[in-house]
Amino acid sequence: MTTVPGLEDFVIEELSERSRLRSARAVYMSGRVIADADIEPADAFGLRTVERFGVFLCDGRADSLEDVVRLAGECLPAALRYLTRNTTTGVRCERVGRHPFTSRDVEREVGRLLKERGFVISLVDPDVELNVDVLGSYVIAWVTVAKRSLKDRPWRRYEHHASLNPIIANAMVRLARPAPGETVCDLTCGGGTIAAEAAELAPASRYICVDVELKHVRGALENTAGRPQVDVLWYDSTKLHRIMRPVCDKYVFNPPYGFRMPARIGRLYRLLGAAMRRLARGCATYVVITPRHRTFVRAVGGEVLLRRVVYQGGLYSHVIVGRVCPEA
C-alpha cells in the first residue's frame, strides 16, 4: 500500500481495524506498507489512509540502475500470475532520494527487460501495471490493483486551491480521537476536507467548520452535504469568540502557511491562539499541520504533546498535537 510519507503507521492501524492483520512492515517516510492481511475487496477499496494498493512481489537493496533492473528480473517469477503474453504491461517507477538515474530510466530499462522476455509493453493504460519503486537504496516491486487513487473522495465536489490531502486529514482526526458528544472546531476549514473526513470517521461527534472566504464556505457546504454533524460558518475565526460561547473540545485544522506573507503569519497564529483559548470548553487538544511549526508553537503557546513530519506537495510539514487552556 502507498500513503503519504510519514503516515505509514496509520495504514497499519486502519488495516488492523478492517481486517485480520497477520503482519505488517514499513520503511519510515517511504510512503509504503507491506502487509499480510485477510481483507475483503470492498474494505480494501474503502481504506481511507491509503492512496493505492496492489500485490507485493519482492523487495531488496540496490545502489545502481543495473542493480534495480536485476532485482526486477528476480521478481518476474512472482509476477507471472499477473503478466501473460496476452496482456499488455506497463512499468511505473516512483523514486525518493538522490540517484544517478531517473524514474524514466528505470521504466525504460525494466520495460526493455520485459520486452526481451516476450511481454507486450504499453505506455498508455496497460492491462497490468508493474511498479518498481526506488526509495533510497531500498527497492520494492508490486503489481497495481487500485489504479485510481483512493484519496479522490466521492464527497469532494469543490476543490479548494490549497486543499488538504484527505489522507492527512484522516490521520489528523485519528490523532485527535474525537469522543462521542465532543465538538471539534476547524478554524480555517477551506473546502471542509477535515470536517467531511472526520464526520465519516467519527460520526458521533459535532464539527464546526469556519472560514472567512464566502466561496470556500459555499464549497465546504457542498463537500459536507448530507452530514448533519457539521455546521459551516462564514466568519473571521480570530473574532469568533465575539459571537459564540466556548464550545470547542478539540481543534483540528490546517492554518495558512504564509510563505507569501512571512511577517504577517506570526500575527495570524497569535490571533488564532487567542481565539482557541476563548472558545475552548476547558483545556482543549489541538492537531494542526504546518511547515511553520516553530512559528505556530511560539505564537499559540500551550503544551506540545507530539510532533511528527509528513511529506506533502513538495514540502516537509509538521503535524503538531498540543493542548491549550482558557486564560484565567
Protein backbone atom coordinates (compact mmCIF):
# COMPACT_ATOMS: atom_id res chain seq x y z
CA MET A 1 0.00 0.00 0.00
CA THR A 2 1.13 3.55 -0.68
CA THR A 3 0.35 6.52 1.53
CA VAL A 4 1.64 9.98 2.43
CA PRO A 5 5.27 9.61 3.57
CA GLY A 6 5.30 9.80 7.36
CA LEU A 7 1.85 8.23 7.87
CA GLU A 8 2.77 4.57 7.42
CA ASP A 9 1.68 3.60 10.95
CA PHE A 10 -1.84 4.92 10.32
CA VAL A 11 -2.20 2.47 7.43
CA ILE A 12 -1.29 -0.37 9.78
CA GLU A 13 -3.76 0.94 12.38
CA GLU A 14 -6.60 1.07 9.85
CA LEU A 15 -5.76 -2.37 8.46
CA SER A 16 -5.96 -3.83 11.95
CA GLU A 17 -9.42 -2.25 12.30
CA ARG A 18 -10.76 -3.54 8.97
CA SER A 19 -9.10 -6.95 8.62
CA ARG A 20 -7.34 -9.81 10.31
CA LEU A 21 -3.81 -8.47 10.15
CA ARG A 22 -1.14 -11.13 10.47
CA SER A 23 1.92 -8.97 9.90
CA ALA A 24 2.92 -5.56 8.58
CA ARG A 25 6.15 -3.68 7.99
CA ALA A 26 7.04 -0.28 6.64
CA VAL A 27 10.03 1.92 5.91
CA TYR A 28 9.55 5.26 7.66
CA MET A 29 8.98 8.21 5.28
CA SER A 30 8.80 5.81 2.33
CA GLY A 31 5.03 6.02 1.96
CA ARG A 32 4.99 2.22 1.56
CA VAL A 33 3.48 -0.51 3.76
CA ILE A 34 3.75 -4.25 3.14
CA ALA A 35 1.07 -6.24 4.96
CA ASP A 36 -0.24 -9.78 5.16
CA ALA A 37 -3.95 -9.43 5.89
CA ASP A 38 -7.30 -11.03 5.15
CA ILE A 39 -9.35 -8.19 3.74
CA GLU A 40 -12.41 -8.15 1.50
CA PRO A 41 -12.18 -6.17 -1.77
CA ALA A 42 -14.85 -3.69 -0.67
CA ASP A 43 -12.93 -2.99 2.53
CA ALA A 44 -9.65 -2.64 0.62
CA PHE A 45 -11.15 -0.05 -1.72
CA GLY A 46 -12.66 1.67 1.31
CA LEU A 47 -9.33 2.28 3.04
CA ARG A 48 -9.01 5.95 3.98
CA THR A 49 -5.30 6.11 4.84
CA VAL A 50 -4.14 4.57 1.54
CA GLU A 51 -3.57 6.13 -1.88
CA ARG A 52 -3.03 2.98 -3.97
CA PHE A 53 -2.61 -0.71 -3.23
CA GLY A 54 -1.58 -3.86 -5.01
CA VAL A 55 0.08 -7.27 -4.77
CA PHE A 56 3.59 -7.42 -3.32
CA LEU A 57 6.18 -9.27 -5.42
CA CYS A 58 9.59 -8.78 -3.81
CA ASP A 59 11.96 -6.21 -2.37
CA GLY A 60 15.69 -5.71 -1.84
CA ARG A 61 18.61 -3.29 -1.91
CA ALA A 62 20.10 -1.61 -4.97
CA ASP A 63 22.74 1.08 -5.47
CA SER A 64 22.72 1.40 -9.26
CA LEU A 65 20.35 1.20 -12.21
CA GLU A 66 21.80 -2.19 -13.08
CA ASP A 67 21.01 -3.45 -9.57
CA VAL A 68 17.42 -2.19 -9.84
CA VAL A 69 16.91 -3.98 -13.18
CA ARG A 70 18.49 -7.16 -11.83
CA LEU A 71 16.16 -7.10 -8.81
CA ALA A 72 13.15 -6.52 -11.10
CA GLY A 73 14.21 -9.58 -13.10
CA GLU A 74 14.31 -11.63 -9.90
CA CYS A 75 10.73 -10.53 -9.18
CA LEU A 76 9.40 -11.81 -12.52
CA PRO A 77 8.68 -15.40 -11.39
CA ALA A 78 6.32 -14.00 -8.73
CA ALA A 79 4.74 -11.72 -11.36
CA LEU A 80 3.88 -14.48 -13.85
CA ARG A 81 0.46 -14.96 -12.23
CA TYR A 82 -0.41 -11.45 -13.43
CA LEU A 83 1.72 -10.96 -16.57
CA THR A 84 0.88 -13.08 -19.61
CA ARG A 85 1.67 -12.97 -23.30
CA ASN A 86 -1.96 -11.95 -23.90
CA THR A 87 -1.97 -8.86 -21.68
CA THR A 88 -0.27 -5.52 -22.07
CA THR A 89 2.14 -4.50 -19.33
CA GLY A 90 3.26 -1.08 -18.17
CA VAL A 91 6.12 -0.17 -15.86
CA ARG A 92 5.83 2.62 -13.32
CA CYS A 93 8.57 3.91 -11.04
CA GLU A 94 8.38 6.29 -8.10
CA ARG A 95 11.73 7.38 -6.77
CA VAL A 96 12.60 9.03 -3.44
CA GLY A 97 16.09 10.35 -2.77
CA ARG A 98 19.09 11.18 -4.94
CA HIS A 99 20.24 8.66 -7.55
CA PRO A 100 22.49 8.70 -10.63
CA PHE A 101 19.42 7.70 -12.69
CA THR A 102 15.84 8.90 -13.16
CA SER A 103 12.46 7.23 -12.80
CA ARG A 104 12.20 7.21 -16.60
CA ASP A 105 15.50 5.29 -16.78
CA VAL A 106 14.07 2.59 -14.51
CA GLU A 107 10.84 2.37 -16.50
CA ARG A 108 12.73 2.18 -19.80
CA GLU A 109 15.21 -0.50 -18.70
CA VAL A 110 12.69 -2.69 -16.87
CA GLY A 111 10.33 -2.34 -19.85
CA ARG A 112 13.15 -3.45 -22.15
CA LEU A 113 13.75 -6.46 -19.89
CA LEU A 114 10.09 -7.44 -20.07
CA LYS A 115 10.01 -6.97 -23.83
CA GLU A 116 13.06 -9.22 -24.23
CA ARG A 117 11.18 -11.93 -22.33
CA GLY A 118 8.21 -11.74 -24.67
CA PHE A 119 5.80 -9.43 -22.88
CA VAL A 120 3.86 -6.69 -24.68
CA ILE A 121 4.65 -3.24 -23.30
CA SER A 122 2.05 -0.46 -23.35
CA LEU A 123 2.72 3.13 -22.37
CA VAL A 124 -0.99 4.05 -22.26
CA ASP A 125 -3.48 2.29 -19.94
CA PRO A 126 -1.84 -1.17 -19.77
CA ASP A 127 -3.79 -4.19 -18.57
CA VAL A 128 -1.25 -4.80 -15.81
CA GLU A 129 0.90 -2.16 -14.12
CA LEU A 130 4.21 -3.29 -12.66
CA ASN A 131 5.62 -0.87 -10.06
CA VAL A 132 9.33 -0.73 -9.33
CA ASP A 133 9.74 1.88 -6.59
CA VAL A 134 13.20 3.07 -5.55
CA LEU A 135 13.31 4.61 -2.07
CA GLY A 136 16.90 5.49 -1.34
CA SER A 137 18.68 2.17 -1.73
CA TYR A 138 15.50 0.20 -0.98
CA VAL A 139 13.59 -1.23 -3.97
CA ILE A 140 10.11 -2.73 -3.89
CA ALA A 141 8.26 -4.35 -6.80
CA TRP A 142 4.49 -4.79 -6.83
CA VAL A 143 1.51 -5.06 -9.18
CA THR A 144 -1.18 -2.38 -9.02
CA VAL A 145 -4.71 -3.39 -8.05
CA ALA A 146 -6.21 0.05 -7.37
CA LYS A 147 -5.23 2.24 -10.33
CA ARG A 148 -7.45 5.11 -9.26
CA SER A 149 -6.10 6.98 -6.27
CA LEU A 150 -8.21 6.35 -3.18
CA LYS A 151 -7.53 9.90 -2.00
CA ASP A 152 -10.03 11.09 -4.65
CA ARG A 153 -13.02 11.07 -2.31
CA PRO A 154 -16.56 10.87 -3.76
CA TRP A 155 -17.73 13.64 -1.43
CA ARG A 156 -15.29 16.20 -2.87
CA ARG A 157 -17.41 18.37 -5.19
CA TYR A 158 -15.50 21.58 -4.54
CA GLU A 159 -11.71 21.76 -4.95
CA HIS A 160 -10.02 24.39 -2.79
CA HIS A 161 -6.87 25.82 -4.38
CA ALA A 162 -4.82 24.60 -1.39
CA SER A 163 -6.95 21.67 -0.30
CA LEU A 164 -5.52 19.27 2.26
CA ASN A 165 -4.93 15.68 1.21
CA PRO A 166 -7.86 13.71 2.75
CA ILE A 167 -5.39 11.03 3.87
CA ILE A 168 -3.60 13.60 6.03
CA ALA A 169 -6.95 14.88 7.30
CA ASN A 170 -7.90 11.34 8.29
CA ALA A 171 -4.63 10.89 10.19
CA MET A 172 -5.08 14.21 11.99
CA VAL A 173 -8.57 13.23 13.12
CA ARG A 174 -7.20 9.88 14.31
CA LEU A 175 -4.66 11.77 16.40
CA ALA A 176 -7.41 13.97 17.87
CA ARG A 177 -9.62 10.94 18.62
CA PRO A 178 -12.97 12.80 18.89
CA ALA A 179 -15.20 11.24 21.52
CA PRO A 180 -18.99 10.97 21.10
CA GLY A 181 -20.60 14.27 22.01
CA GLU A 182 -17.41 16.33 21.71
CA THR A 183 -17.27 19.40 19.48
CA VAL A 184 -14.30 19.63 17.09
CA CYS A 185 -13.57 23.03 15.54
CA ASP A 186 -11.75 23.71 12.26
CA LEU A 187 -10.93 27.41 12.35
CA THR A 188 -9.57 27.63 8.78
CA CYS A 189 -11.62 24.97 7.05
CA GLY A 190 -11.31 26.00 3.38
CA GLY A 191 -13.31 23.44 1.41
CA GLY A 192 -14.21 21.42 4.51
CA THR A 193 -11.87 18.48 3.94
CA ILE A 194 -11.21 17.84 7.64
CA ALA A 195 -14.87 18.12 8.62
CA ALA A 196 -16.01 15.83 5.79
CA GLU A 197 -13.38 13.23 6.63
CA ALA A 198 -13.96 13.49 10.38
CA ALA A 199 -17.73 13.14 10.11
CA GLU A 200 -17.19 9.83 8.31
CA LEU A 201 -14.55 8.57 10.75
CA ALA A 202 -16.19 9.72 14.00
CA PRO A 203 -19.89 10.39 13.22
CA ALA A 204 -20.95 10.70 16.87
CA SER A 205 -19.07 13.99 17.34
CA ARG A 206 -20.05 17.51 16.25
CA TYR A 207 -17.94 19.60 13.86
CA ILE A 208 -17.80 23.36 13.38
CA CYS A 209 -16.19 24.46 10.12
CA VAL A 210 -15.27 28.16 9.84
CA ASP A 211 -13.77 30.23 7.02
CA VAL A 212 -13.57 33.92 6.20
CA GLU A 213 -13.92 33.44 2.41
CA LEU A 214 -17.52 33.04 1.23
CA LYS A 215 -16.63 30.97 -1.85
CA HIS A 216 -14.82 28.45 0.35
CA VAL A 217 -17.75 28.33 2.77
CA ARG A 218 -20.04 27.50 -0.15
CA GLY A 219 -17.57 24.81 -1.22
CA ALA A 220 -17.44 23.39 2.29
CA LEU A 221 -21.25 23.21 2.30
CA GLU A 222 -21.07 21.17 -0.91
CA ASN A 223 -18.38 18.85 0.43
CA THR A 224 -20.14 18.23 3.75
CA ALA A 225 -23.65 17.92 2.32
CA GLY A 226 -25.62 15.14 3.98
CA ARG A 227 -23.56 15.27 7.18
CA PRO A 228 -25.80 16.72 9.91
CA GLN A 229 -22.91 16.66 12.39
CA VAL A 230 -21.20 19.53 10.50
CA ASP A 231 -22.06 23.23 10.93
CA VAL A 232 -20.39 25.59 8.42
CA LEU A 233 -19.90 29.24 9.39
CA TRP A 234 -18.85 32.26 7.33
CA TYR A 235 -16.85 34.33 9.79
CA ASP A 236 -13.39 35.53 10.79
CA SER A 237 -12.12 32.83 13.16
CA THR A 238 -9.89 35.26 15.03
CA LYS A 239 -13.06 37.10 16.15
CA LEU A 240 -15.35 34.08 16.53
CA HIS A 241 -15.39 34.38 20.33
CA ARG A 242 -17.41 37.59 19.91
CA ILE A 243 -20.45 35.70 18.64
CA MET A 244 -20.04 32.18 20.04
CA ARG A 245 -19.71 30.88 23.56
CA PRO A 246 -16.92 28.41 24.45
CA VAL A 247 -17.97 25.15 22.78
CA CYS A 248 -14.76 23.64 21.33
CA ASP A 249 -13.42 20.49 22.96
CA LYS A 250 -10.79 19.92 20.29
CA TYR A 251 -9.31 21.73 17.31
CA VAL A 252 -8.21 20.12 14.06
CA PHE A 253 -7.18 22.49 11.29
CA ASN A 254 -4.76 23.35 8.51
CA PRO A 255 -3.75 27.01 9.04
CA PRO A 256 -2.30 29.16 6.23
CA TYR A 257 1.46 28.76 5.81
CA GLY A 258 2.15 32.36 4.89
CA PHE A 259 5.09 31.88 2.53
CA ARG A 260 3.95 34.98 0.65
CA MET A 261 3.45 37.00 3.85
CA PRO A 262 6.00 35.72 6.40
CA ALA A 263 5.87 38.88 8.51
CA ARG A 264 2.10 38.55 8.98
CA ILE A 265 1.78 34.84 9.64
CA GLY A 266 3.07 35.08 13.20
CA ARG A 267 0.40 37.66 13.99
CA LEU A 268 -2.30 35.45 12.45
CA TYR A 269 -1.13 32.48 14.53
CA ARG A 270 -1.20 34.62 17.71
CA LEU A 271 -4.77 35.72 16.96
CA LEU A 272 -5.82 32.13 16.27
CA GLY A 273 -4.21 31.02 19.54
CA ALA A 274 -6.11 33.71 21.45
CA ALA A 275 -9.38 32.63 19.79
CA MET A 276 -8.65 28.98 20.62
CA ARG A 277 -8.31 29.81 24.32
CA ARG A 278 -11.50 31.86 24.36
CA LEU A 279 -13.54 29.22 22.50
CA ALA A 280 -12.21 26.22 24.44
CA ARG A 281 -14.54 24.40 26.80
CA GLY A 282 -11.85 23.65 29.36
CA CYS A 283 -8.36 22.61 28.25
CA ALA A 284 -8.60 21.61 24.57
CA THR A 285 -6.41 19.38 22.42
CA TYR A 286 -5.38 20.72 19.03
CA VAL A 287 -3.99 19.00 15.93
CA VAL A 288 -2.58 21.21 13.18
CA ILE A 289 -0.32 20.78 10.17
CA THR A 290 2.14 23.45 9.06
CA PRO A 291 5.71 23.75 7.76
CA ARG A 292 5.94 26.84 10.03
CA HIS A 293 5.77 24.72 13.17
CA ARG A 294 8.18 26.82 15.25
CA THR A 295 6.25 29.98 14.46
CA PHE A 296 2.95 28.29 15.31
CA VAL A 297 4.12 26.82 18.63
CA ARG A 298 5.75 30.10 19.67
CA ALA A 299 2.66 32.14 18.75
CA VAL A 300 -0.01 29.82 20.16
CA GLY A 301 1.83 28.62 23.25
CA GLY A 302 0.32 25.90 25.40
CA GLU A 303 1.78 22.42 25.70
CA VAL A 304 3.12 20.40 22.76
CA LEU A 305 2.29 16.72 23.20
CA LEU A 306 3.54 15.27 19.91
CA ARG A 307 5.17 16.38 16.68
CA ARG A 308 5.71 14.35 13.53
CA VAL A 309 6.87 15.05 9.98
CA VAL A 310 4.99 14.27 6.77
CA TYR A 311 5.90 14.97 3.15
CA GLN A 312 3.18 16.56 1.06
CA GLY A 313 3.13 18.73 -2.03
CA GLY A 314 6.91 19.01 -2.15
CA LEU A 315 7.10 20.23 1.47
CA TYR A 316 8.10 18.63 4.74
CA SER A 317 5.30 19.70 7.07
CA HIS A 318 4.86 19.11 10.78
CA VAL A 319 1.74 17.65 12.37
CA ILE A 320 1.59 19.08 15.89
CA VAL A 321 -0.58 17.76 18.71
CA GLY A 322 -0.85 20.17 21.62
CA ARG A 323 -3.12 21.50 24.30
CA VAL A 324 -4.32 24.99 25.15
CA CYS A 325 -6.30 26.09 28.19
CA PRO A 326 -8.58 29.11 28.73
CA GLU A 327 -6.90 32.13 30.26
CA ALA A 328 -7.57 32.56 33.95
